[in-house]
Every structure is written in C-alpha cells, then in structure tokens.
PDB file of N, CA and C in Angstrom:
ATOM      1  N   MET A   1      -0.488  13.121 -17.410  1.00  0.00           N
ATOM      2  CA  MET A   1      -0.809  11.544 -16.827  1.00  0.00           C
ATOM      3  C   MET A   1      -0.167  11.264 -15.495  1.00  0.00           C
ATOM      4  N   CYS A   2      -0.687  10.621 -14.789  1.00  0.00           N
ATOM      5  CA  CYS A   2      -0.038  10.339 -13.294  1.00  0.00           C
ATOM      6  C   CYS A   2       0.355   8.740 -13.320  1.00  0.00           C
ATOM      7  N   LEU A   3       1.267   8.844 -12.593  1.00  0.00           N
ATOM      8  CA  LEU A   3       1.938   7.354 -12.606  1.00  0.00           C
ATOM      9  C   LEU A   3       2.238   6.847 -10.812  1.00  0.00           C
ATOM     10  N   ALA A   4       1.949   5.985 -10.700  1.00  0.00           N
ATOM     11  CA  ALA A   4       2.303   5.508  -9.157  1.00  0.00           C
ATOM     12  C   ALA A   4       3.154   4.291  -9.488  1.00  0.00           C
ATOM     13  N   ILE A   5       4.117   4.264  -8.408  1.00  0.00           N
ATOM     14  CA  ILE A   5       5.449   3.390  -8.569  1.00  0.00           C
ATOM     15  C   ILE A   5       5.161   2.426  -7.595  1.00  0.00           C
ATOM     16  N   PRO A   6       5.193   1.305  -7.899  1.00  0.00           N
ATOM     17  CA  PRO A   6       5.218   0.103  -6.688  1.00  0.00           C
ATOM     18  C   PRO A   6       6.479   0.379  -5.774  1.00  0.00           C
ATOM     19  N   ALA A   7       6.343   0.293  -4.472  1.00  0.00           N
ATOM     20  CA  ALA A   7       7.781   0.150  -3.523  1.00  0.00           C
ATOM     21  C   ALA A   7       7.165  -0.698  -2.293  1.00  0.00           C
ATOM     22  N   LYS A   8       8.387  -1.186  -1.877  1.00  0.00           N
ATOM     23  CA  LYS A   8       8.216  -2.106  -0.679  1.00  0.00           C
ATOM     24  C   LYS A   8       8.500  -1.368   0.565  1.00  0.00           C
ATOM     25  N   ILE A   9       7.689  -1.614   1.367  1.00  0.00           N
ATOM     26  CA  ILE A   9       7.708  -0.911   2.978  1.00  0.00           C
ATOM     27  C   ILE A   9       8.941  -1.648   3.665  1.00  0.00           C
ATOM     28  N   ALA A  10       9.908  -0.671   4.006  1.00  0.00           N
ATOM     29  CA  ALA A  10      10.987  -1.240   4.776  1.00  0.00           C
ATOM     30  C   ALA A  10      10.862  -0.950   6.056  1.00  0.00           C
ATOM     31  N   SER A  11      10.095   0.184   6.666  1.00  0.00           N
ATOM     32  CA  SER A  11       9.810   0.668   8.050  1.00  0.00           C
ATOM     33  C   SER A  11       8.878   1.663   8.063  1.00  0.00           C
ATOM     34  N   ILE A  12       8.196   1.547   9.138  1.00  0.00           N
ATOM     35  CA  ILE A  12       7.069   2.690   9.542  1.00  0.00           C
ATOM     36  C   ILE A  12       6.972   3.424  10.635  1.00  0.00           C
ATOM     37  N   ASP A  13       7.205   4.760  10.642  1.00  0.00           N
ATOM     38  CA  ASP A  13       7.499   5.086  12.054  1.00  0.00           C
ATOM     39  C   ASP A  13       5.987   5.833  12.732  1.00  0.00           C
ATOM     40  N   GLU A  14       6.037   6.314  13.872  1.00  0.00           N
ATOM     41  CA  GLU A  14       4.821   6.841  14.789  1.00  0.00           C
ATOM     42  C   GLU A  14       4.206   7.759  13.800  1.00  0.00           C
ATOM     43  N   ASN A  15       4.533   8.382  13.187  1.00  0.00           N
ATOM     44  CA  ASN A  15       3.674   9.560  12.362  1.00  0.00           C
ATOM     45  C   ASN A  15       3.087   8.899  10.664  1.00  0.00           C
ATOM     46  N   ASN A  16       2.818   7.558  10.727  1.00  0.00           N
ATOM     47  CA  ASN A  16       2.518   7.212   9.699  1.00  0.00           C
ATOM     48  C   ASN A  16       3.409   7.379   8.471  1.00  0.00           C
ATOM     49  N   LEU A  17       4.917   7.707   8.607  1.00  0.00           N
ATOM     50  CA  LEU A  17       5.614   7.674   7.407  1.00  0.00           C
ATOM     51  C   LEU A  17       6.312   6.358   7.266  1.00  0.00           C
ATOM     52  N   ALA A  18       6.408   6.002   6.085  1.00  0.00           N
ATOM     53  CA  ALA A  18       7.055   4.686   5.716  1.00  0.00           C
ATOM     54  C   ALA A  18       8.550   4.983   5.006  1.00  0.00           C
ATOM     55  N   THR A  19       9.354   4.254   5.197  1.00  0.00           N
ATOM     56  CA  THR A  19      10.657   4.162   4.433  1.00  0.00           C
ATOM     57  C   THR A  19      10.303   3.187   3.487  1.00  0.00           C
ATOM     58  N   VAL A  20      10.268   3.606   2.175  1.00  0.00           N
ATOM     59  CA  VAL A  20      10.025   2.456   1.156  1.00  0.00           C
ATOM     60  C   VAL A  20      11.055   2.479   0.087  1.00  0.00           C
ATOM     61  N   ASP A  21      11.208   1.390  -0.320  1.00  0.00           N
ATOM     62  CA  ASP A  21      12.313   1.069  -1.560  1.00  0.00           C
ATOM     63  C   ASP A  21      11.691   1.160  -2.889  1.00  0.00           C
ATOM     64  N   ILE A  22      12.151   1.921  -3.641  1.00  0.00           N
ATOM     65  CA  ILE A  22      11.742   1.924  -5.122  1.00  0.00           C
ATOM     66  C   ILE A  22      12.836   1.585  -6.089  1.00  0.00           C
ATOM     67  N   LEU A  23      12.986   0.446  -6.560  1.00  0.00           N
ATOM     68  CA  LEU A  23      14.113   0.232  -7.525  1.00  0.00           C
ATOM     69  C   LEU A  23      15.414   0.579  -6.841  1.00  0.00           C
ATOM     70  N   GLY A  24      15.488  -0.104  -5.511  1.00  0.00           N
ATOM     71  CA  GLY A  24      16.829   0.134  -4.645  1.00  0.00           C
ATOM     72  C   GLY A  24      17.263   1.827  -4.226  1.00  0.00           C
ATOM     73  N   VAL A  25      16.164   2.589  -4.283  1.00  0.00           N
ATOM     74  CA  VAL A  25      16.339   4.176  -3.817  1.00  0.00           C
ATOM     75  C   VAL A  25      15.109   3.964  -2.716  1.00  0.00           C
ATOM     76  N   THR A  26      15.667   4.374  -1.726  1.00  0.00           N
ATOM     77  CA  THR A  26      14.697   4.683  -0.458  1.00  0.00           C
ATOM     78  C   THR A  26      14.062   5.999  -0.549  1.00  0.00           C
ATOM     79  N   ARG A  27      12.888   6.215  -0.088  1.00  0.00           N
ATOM     80  CA  ARG A  27      12.147   7.477   0.129  1.00  0.00           C
ATOM     81  C   ARG A  27      11.368   7.396   1.269  1.00  0.00           C
ATOM     82  N   GLN A  28      10.520   8.613   1.664  1.00  0.00           N
ATOM     83  CA  GLN A  28       9.634   8.600   2.508  1.00  0.00           C
ATOM     84  C   GLN A  28       8.167   8.670   1.647  1.00  0.00           C
ATOM     85  N   ALA A  29       7.169   7.717   2.367  1.00  0.00           N
ATOM     86  CA  ALA A  29       5.797   8.077   1.827  1.00  0.00           C
ATOM     87  C   ALA A  29       4.995   7.898   2.837  1.00  0.00           C
ATOM     88  N   SER A  30       3.713   8.853   3.021  1.00  0.00           N
ATOM     89  CA  SER A  30       2.734   8.693   3.993  1.00  0.00           C
ATOM     90  C   SER A  30       1.808   7.566   3.656  1.00  0.00           C
ATOM     91  N   ILE A  31       1.679   6.896   4.658  1.00  0.00           N
ATOM     92  CA  ILE A  31       0.533   5.830   4.767  1.00  0.00           C
ATOM     93  C   ILE A  31      -0.700   5.985   5.165  1.00  0.00           C
ATOM     94  N   ASP A  32      -0.821   7.428   5.232  1.00  0.00           N
ATOM     95  CA  ASP A  32      -2.050   7.803   5.800  1.00  0.00           C
ATOM     96  C   ASP A  32      -3.578   7.382   5.035  1.00  0.00           C
ATOM     97  N   LEU A  33      -3.396   7.199   3.696  1.00  0.00           N
ATOM     98  CA  LEU A  33      -4.408   6.850   2.940  1.00  0.00           C
ATOM     99  C   LEU A  33      -4.465   5.062   2.733  1.00  0.00           C
ATOM    100  N   THR A  34      -3.426   4.487   3.342  1.00  0.00           N
ATOM    101  CA  THR A  34      -3.449   3.075   3.317  1.00  0.00           C
ATOM    102  C   THR A  34      -2.947   2.625   5.004  1.00  0.00           C
ATOM    103  N   PRO A  35      -3.897   3.054   5.859  1.00  0.00           N
ATOM    104  CA  PRO A  35      -3.533   2.518   7.208  1.00  0.00           C
ATOM    105  C   PRO A  35      -3.325   0.813   7.501  1.00  0.00           C
ATOM    106  N   GLN A  36      -3.860  -0.232   6.359  1.00  0.00           N
ATOM    107  CA  GLN A  36      -3.432  -1.430   6.829  1.00  0.00           C
ATOM    108  C   GLN A  36      -2.247  -1.941   6.207  1.00  0.00           C
ATOM    109  N   ALA A  37      -1.523  -0.980   5.638  1.00  0.00           N
ATOM    110  CA  ALA A  37       0.007  -1.150   5.025  1.00  0.00           C
ATOM    111  C   ALA A  37       0.839  -1.481   6.198  1.00  0.00           C
ATOM    112  N   GLN A  38       1.734  -2.623   6.038  1.00  0.00           N
ATOM    113  CA  GLN A  38       2.612  -3.120   6.963  1.00  0.00           C
ATOM    114  C   GLN A  38       4.147  -3.379   6.516  1.00  0.00           C
ATOM    115  N   VAL A  39       5.136  -3.340   7.325  1.00  0.00           N
ATOM    116  CA  VAL A  39       6.379  -3.582   6.789  1.00  0.00           C
ATOM    117  C   VAL A  39       6.511  -4.737   5.934  1.00  0.00           C
ATOM    118  N   GLY A  40       6.946  -4.756   4.668  1.00  0.00           N
ATOM    119  CA  GLY A  40       7.002  -5.813   3.724  1.00  0.00           C
ATOM    120  C   GLY A  40       6.058  -5.855   2.735  1.00  0.00           C
ATOM    121  N   ASP A  41       5.019  -4.868   2.989  1.00  0.00           N
ATOM    122  CA  ASP A  41       4.240  -4.859   1.894  1.00  0.00           C
ATOM    123  C   ASP A  41       4.540  -4.097   0.883  1.00  0.00           C
ATOM    124  N   TYR A  42       3.995  -4.375  -0.418  1.00  0.00           N
ATOM    125  CA  TYR A  42       4.263  -3.607  -1.723  1.00  0.00           C
ATOM    126  C   TYR A  42       2.837  -2.347  -1.723  1.00  0.00           C
ATOM    127  N   VAL A  43       3.382  -1.119  -1.868  1.00  0.00           N
ATOM    128  CA  VAL A  43       2.121  -0.016  -2.249  1.00  0.00           C
ATOM    129  C   VAL A  43       2.531   0.693  -3.349  1.00  0.00           C
ATOM    130  N   LEU A  44       1.297   1.165  -3.975  1.00  0.00           N
ATOM    131  CA  LEU A  44       1.855   1.941  -4.898  1.00  0.00           C
ATOM    132  C   LEU A  44       2.104   3.625  -4.627  1.00  0.00           C
ATOM    133  N   VAL A  45       3.035   4.183  -4.926  1.00  0.00           N
ATOM    134  CA  VAL A  45       3.305   5.268  -4.273  1.00  0.00           C
ATOM    135  C   VAL A  45       3.187   6.776  -5.201  1.00  0.00           C
ATOM    136  N   HIS A  46       2.299   7.588  -5.147  1.00  0.00           N
ATOM    137  CA  HIS A  46       2.387   8.730  -5.828  1.00  0.00           C
ATOM    138  C   HIS A  46       2.334  10.071  -5.201  1.00  0.00           C
ATOM    139  N   ALA A  47       2.954  10.976  -5.540  1.00  0.00           N
ATOM    140  CA  ALA A  47       3.087  12.293  -4.971  1.00  0.00           C
ATOM    141  C   ALA A  47       3.501  12.118  -3.513  1.00  0.00           C
ATOM    142  N   GLY A  48       4.284  11.153  -2.851  1.00  0.00           N
ATOM    143  CA  GLY A  48       4.603  11.020  -1.431  1.00  0.00           C
ATOM    144  C   GLY A  48       3.537  10.317  -0.861  1.00  0.00           C
ATOM    145  N   PHE A  49       2.354   9.624  -1.427  1.00  0.00           N
ATOM    146  CA  PHE A  49       1.606   8.928  -0.546  1.00  0.00           C
ATOM    147  C   PHE A  49       1.471   7.470  -1.200  1.00  0.00           C
ATOM    148  N   ALA A  50       1.467   6.580  -0.280  1.00  0.00           N
ATOM    149  CA  ALA A  50       1.065   5.140  -0.588  1.00  0.00           C
ATOM    150  C   ALA A  50      -0.632   5.371  -1.114  1.00  0.00           C
ATOM    151  N   ILE A  51      -0.805   4.910  -2.239  1.00  0.00           N
ATOM    152  CA  ILE A  51      -2.494   5.057  -2.407  1.00  0.00           C
ATOM    153  C   ILE A  51      -3.121   3.834  -2.485  1.00  0.00           C
ATOM    154  N   GLU A  52      -2.370   2.737  -2.424  1.00  0.00           N
ATOM    155  CA  GLU A  52      -2.920   1.181  -2.691  1.00  0.00           C
ATOM    156  C   GLU A  52      -1.775   0.154  -2.132  1.00  0.00           C
ATOM    157  N   VAL A  53      -2.359  -0.790  -1.603  1.00  0.00           N
ATOM    158  CA  VAL A  53      -1.643  -1.968  -1.312  1.00  0.00           C
ATOM    159  C   VAL A  53      -1.552  -2.784  -2.228  1.00  0.00           C
ATOM    160  N   VAL A  54      -0.683  -3.215  -2.798  1.00  0.00           N
ATOM    161  CA  VAL A  54      -0.807  -4.138  -4.129  1.00  0.00           C
ATOM    162  C   VAL A  54       0.114  -5.781  -3.698  1.00  0.00           C
ATOM    163  N   SER A  55      -0.275  -6.737  -4.604  1.00  0.00           N
ATOM    164  CA  SER A  55       0.527  -7.978  -4.380  1.00  0.00           C
ATOM    165  C   SER A  55       1.913  -7.972  -4.791  1.00  0.00           C
ATOM    166  N   GLU A  56       2.720  -8.646  -4.270  1.00  0.00           N
ATOM    167  CA  GLU A  56       3.983  -8.606  -4.816  1.00  0.00           C
ATOM    168  C   GLU A  56       4.305  -9.258  -6.088  1.00  0.00           C
ATOM    169  N   GLU A  57       3.363  -9.827  -6.746  1.00  0.00           N
ATOM    170  CA  GLU A  57       3.281 -10.243  -8.193  1.00  0.00           C
ATOM    171  C   GLU A  57       2.857  -9.048  -9.014  1.00  0.00           C
ATOM    172  N   HIS A  58       1.965  -8.311  -8.809  1.00  0.00           N
ATOM    173  CA  HIS A  58       1.465  -6.976  -9.490  1.00  0.00           C
ATOM    174  C   HIS A  58       2.714  -6.205  -9.470  1.00  0.00           C
ATOM    175  N   ALA A  59       3.278  -5.855  -8.013  1.00  0.00           N
ATOM    176  CA  ALA A  59       4.290  -4.933  -8.032  1.00  0.00           C
ATOM    177  C   ALA A  59       5.601  -5.289  -9.173  1.00  0.00           C
ATOM    178  N   GLN A  60       6.044  -6.569  -8.979  1.00  0.00           N
ATOM    179  CA  GLN A  60       7.047  -7.078  -9.645  1.00  0.00           C
ATOM    180  C   GLN A  60       6.908  -6.717 -11.208  1.00  0.00           C
ATOM    181  N   GLU A  61       5.793  -7.026 -11.731  1.00  0.00           N
ATOM    182  CA  GLU A  61       5.476  -7.064 -13.028  1.00  0.00           C
ATOM    183  C   GLU A  61       5.406  -5.773 -13.648  1.00  0.00           C
ATOM    184  N   THR A  62       5.058  -4.806 -12.881  1.00  0.00           N
ATOM    185  CA  THR A  62       5.209  -3.344 -13.044  1.00  0.00           C
ATOM    186  C   THR A  62       6.453  -2.684 -12.940  1.00  0.00           C
ATOM    187  N   LEU A  63       7.414  -3.046 -11.870  1.00  0.00           N
ATOM    188  CA  LEU A  63       8.718  -3.152 -11.949  1.00  0.00           C
ATOM    189  C   LEU A  63       9.516  -3.530 -13.192  1.00  0.00           C
ATOM    190  N   ASP A  64       9.253  -4.712 -13.490  1.00  0.00           N
ATOM    191  CA  ASP A  64       9.812  -5.337 -14.820  1.00  0.00           C
ATOM    192  C   ASP A  64       9.465  -4.489 -15.902  1.00  0.00           C
ATOM    193  N   LEU A  65       8.295  -3.868 -16.185  1.00  0.00           N
ATOM    194  CA  LEU A  65       8.139  -3.033 -17.277  1.00  0.00           C
ATOM    195  C   LEU A  65       9.237  -1.896 -17.105  1.00  0.00           C
ATOM    196  N   ILE A  66       9.209  -1.368 -15.835  1.00  0.00           N
ATOM    197  CA  ILE A  66       9.804   0.009 -15.875  1.00  0.00           C
ATOM    198  C   ILE A  66      11.371  -0.337 -16.092  1.00  0.00           C
ATOM    199  N   ARG A  67      11.913  -1.592 -15.834  1.00  0.00           N
ATOM    200  CA  ARG A  67      13.152  -1.816 -16.133  1.00  0.00           C
ATOM    201  C   ARG A  67      13.588  -2.078 -17.441  1.00  0.00           C
ATOM    202  N   GLU A  68      12.539  -2.499 -18.317  1.00  0.00           N
ATOM    203  CA  GLU A  68      12.610  -2.626 -19.780  1.00  0.00           C
ATOM    204  C   GLU A  68      12.878  -1.106 -20.402  1.00  0.00           C
ATOM    205  N   PHE A  69      12.074  -0.101 -19.850  1.00  0.00           N
ATOM    206  CA  PHE A  69      12.214   1.120 -20.623  1.00  0.00           C
ATOM    207  C   PHE A  69      12.840   2.080 -19.503  1.00  0.00           C
ATOM    208  N   PRO A  70      14.121   2.006 -19.143  1.00  0.00           N
ATOM    209  CA  PRO A  70      14.644   2.893 -18.076  1.00  0.00           C
ATOM    210  C   PRO A  70      14.841   4.274 -18.449  1.00  0.00           C
ATOM    211  N   GLU A  71      14.732   4.694 -19.796  1.00  0.00           N
ATOM    212  CA  GLU A  71      14.694   6.053 -20.122  1.00  0.00           C
ATOM    213  C   GLU A  71      13.336   6.851 -19.990  1.00  0.00           C
ATOM    214  N   LEU A  72      12.418   6.170 -19.736  1.00  0.00           N
ATOM    215  CA  LEU A  72      11.134   6.652 -19.503  1.00  0.00           C
ATOM    216  C   LEU A  72      10.831   6.828 -17.806  1.00  0.00           C
ATOM    217  N   ALA A  73      11.678   6.107 -17.070  1.00  0.00           N
ATOM    218  CA  ALA A  73      11.455   6.453 -15.593  1.00  0.00           C
ATOM    219  C   ALA A  73      12.672   6.841 -14.989  1.00  0.00           C
ATOM    220  N   ASP A  74      13.832   7.069 -15.854  1.00  0.00           N
ATOM    221  CA  ASP A  74      14.862   7.592 -15.347  1.00  0.00           C
ATOM    222  C   ASP A  74      15.588   6.835 -14.322  1.00  0.00           C
ATOM    223  N   VAL A  75      15.735   5.577 -14.501  1.00  0.00           N
ATOM    224  CA  VAL A  75      16.383   4.547 -13.741  1.00  0.00           C
ATOM    225  C   VAL A  75      17.404   3.967 -14.178  1.00  0.00           C
ATOM    226  N   GLU A  76      18.345   3.595 -13.673  1.00  0.00           N
ATOM    227  CA  GLU A  76      19.415   2.643 -14.014  1.00  0.00           C
ATOM    228  C   GLU A  76      19.158   1.023 -13.893  1.00  0.00           C
ATOM    229  N   THR A  77      19.754   0.341 -14.744  1.00  0.00           N
ATOM    230  CA  THR A  77      19.387  -0.822 -14.873  1.00  0.00           C
ATOM    231  C   THR A  77      20.766  -1.687 -14.247  1.00  0.00           C
ATOM    232  N   ALA A  78      20.448  -2.568 -13.421  1.00  0.00           N
ATOM    233  CA  ALA A  78      21.749  -3.243 -12.592  1.00  0.00           C
ATOM    234  C   ALA A  78      21.706  -4.648 -13.335  1.00  0.00           C
TER     235      ALA A  78
END
C-alpha cells in the first residue's frame, strides 16, 4: 500500500525542490509533477515527489487522522 502525506510548502528553489513541513519535520520534495504549487500550498508527498495540490481543509483532516494513530505513522503527538 502506498501512502501520500500532506505537507505544507515552506520554500521552493530554482531546481523545483520544495522544502516542505510534514507534522513539524522539514523535508525536500520535488514539485516537478505539480508545477502549479506555490509557497503556502499543501501538497501530497509520496516517495519524495509532490503528486497533488490539495486544500488546507483536506490536508488538516488527513493530518488529524494521522495524529490519532501515531504508532501507524511513527510520529510524536505534541
């Protein structure tokens, strides 16, 4: 099973690499598949690629579910 995690774009460099925030952890993700993505947008990240731009509401719903089951996503709840 594949899982894409919502992430908020913090910055984008000239090589279409975005710094994204996933539950307080920053990572790099390519936005080659989502060229319309902008700083502040939420994207679904899978295998290092942003694969879809999603609404903040959709992203928050998914992140809330992940927080309910931290053992499944190996995340800490704060």
